[in-house]
Structure formats: C-alpha cells, structure tokens
C-alpha cells in the first residue's frame, strides 16, 4: 500500500492566516504577474533545500524598475 503521508513544510499560521489571505487578495500577490518572475527563478535554481533557494535568490534577484535594485534581506524589512 502506498505511503500517503506528506512531508509538507508549510507552517500553521493560526489566527494570522486571515490577515495573510486578506493581504494576498487585496494586493493581488498571488497573481501570475507577481509570482511569475519568482517561479522562473525557482525553475532555474532547482533547489533541494530552502537554504539553496535563499542563497540563489539573494544573489540573482533585482527589482523590476527603471533602475533595477538588488533585492536584499534588509529590503524586506
């Protein structure tokens, strides 16, 4: 019989989940236009662990503005 257990890494957000859903829906953060660039980077990186992805992202990510700015951990704060 196949093993139906899953190795999900998603965290339970509890009461914060409503806020996350509201924000995502309000600002359309899950739309392909917003997510597409990140998905393209994930495909390019093919990470096996989160740390691989994090390192790759902060080395390669830039904003999509007239003058691209390097994305850093500090820019998320």
Protein backbone atom coordinates (compact mmCIF):
# COMPACT_ATOMS: atom_id res chain seq x y z
CA UNK A 1 0.00 0.00 0.00
CA UNK A 2 1.45 3.43 -0.91
CA UNK A 3 2.59 5.79 1.81
CA UNK A 4 0.04 8.64 1.87
CA UNK A 5 1.92 10.75 4.40
CA UNK A 6 3.22 14.01 3.06
CA UNK A 7 6.30 15.97 4.01
CA UNK A 8 4.65 19.38 3.98
CA UNK A 9 6.84 22.23 5.05
CA UNK A 10 4.08 24.84 5.27
CA UNK A 11 3.73 26.40 8.69
CA UNK A 12 0.45 26.77 10.50
CA UNK A 13 -0.38 30.46 10.65
CA UNK A 14 -3.30 30.18 13.06
CA UNK A 15 -5.09 33.49 13.58
CA UNK A 16 -2.70 35.25 11.20
CA UNK A 17 -3.99 33.25 8.25
CA UNK A 18 -6.99 35.58 7.78
CA UNK A 19 -4.65 38.57 7.59
CA UNK A 20 -2.38 36.79 5.11
CA UNK A 21 -5.32 35.81 2.91
CA UNK A 22 -6.81 39.31 3.06
CA UNK A 23 -3.47 40.90 2.14
CA UNK A 24 -2.80 38.45 -0.68
CA UNK A 25 -6.24 39.01 -2.15
CA UNK A 26 -6.25 42.79 -1.68
CA UNK A 27 -2.87 43.38 -3.28
CA UNK A 28 -3.17 40.52 -5.80
CA UNK A 29 0.08 39.00 -4.55
CA UNK A 30 -0.73 35.55 -5.92
CA UNK A 31 -1.42 36.72 -9.48
CA UNK A 32 0.82 35.31 -12.23
CA UNK A 33 2.15 38.81 -12.95
CA UNK A 34 3.55 38.99 -9.40
CA UNK A 35 4.57 35.34 -8.98
CA UNK A 36 5.87 34.60 -12.47
CA UNK A 37 9.38 36.00 -12.02
CA UNK A 38 9.92 34.09 -8.79
CA UNK A 39 8.64 30.85 -10.31
CA UNK A 40 11.03 31.33 -13.22
CA UNK A 41 13.91 31.74 -10.76
CA UNK A 42 12.86 28.61 -8.84
CA UNK A 43 12.89 26.61 -12.07
CA UNK A 44 16.34 27.98 -12.92
CA UNK A 45 17.74 27.20 -9.45
CA UNK A 46 16.12 23.77 -8.90
CA UNK A 47 16.78 23.93 -5.14
CA UNK A 48 16.75 20.81 -3.00
CA UNK A 49 16.71 22.65 0.32
CA UNK A 50 15.47 26.08 1.34
CA UNK A 51 18.98 27.35 2.02
CA UNK A 52 19.95 26.71 -1.62
CA UNK A 53 16.98 28.74 -2.78
CA UNK A 54 17.62 31.58 -0.33
CA UNK A 55 21.26 31.92 -1.40
CA UNK A 56 20.35 31.82 -5.09
CA UNK A 57 17.52 34.34 -4.69
CA UNK A 58 19.58 36.96 -2.88
CA UNK A 59 22.40 36.60 -5.42
CA UNK A 60 20.17 36.96 -8.50
CA UNK A 61 17.05 38.96 -7.55
CA UNK A 62 16.57 42.55 -8.68
CA UNK A 63 13.52 44.79 -8.66
CA UNK A 64 11.69 45.38 -11.93
CA UNK A 65 12.06 49.14 -12.05
CA UNK A 66 13.70 51.57 -14.48
CA UNK A 67 16.89 51.26 -12.48
CA UNK A 68 16.88 47.71 -11.04
CA UNK A 69 17.85 47.50 -7.37
CA UNK A 70 19.38 44.37 -5.86
CA UNK A 71 16.96 42.60 -3.51
CA UNK A 72 18.43 42.04 -0.03
CA UNK A 73 17.11 40.64 3.22
CA UNK A 74 17.05 44.19 4.55
CA UNK A 75 14.74 45.31 1.73
CA UNK A 76 12.03 43.03 3.16
CA UNK A 77 12.00 44.82 6.50
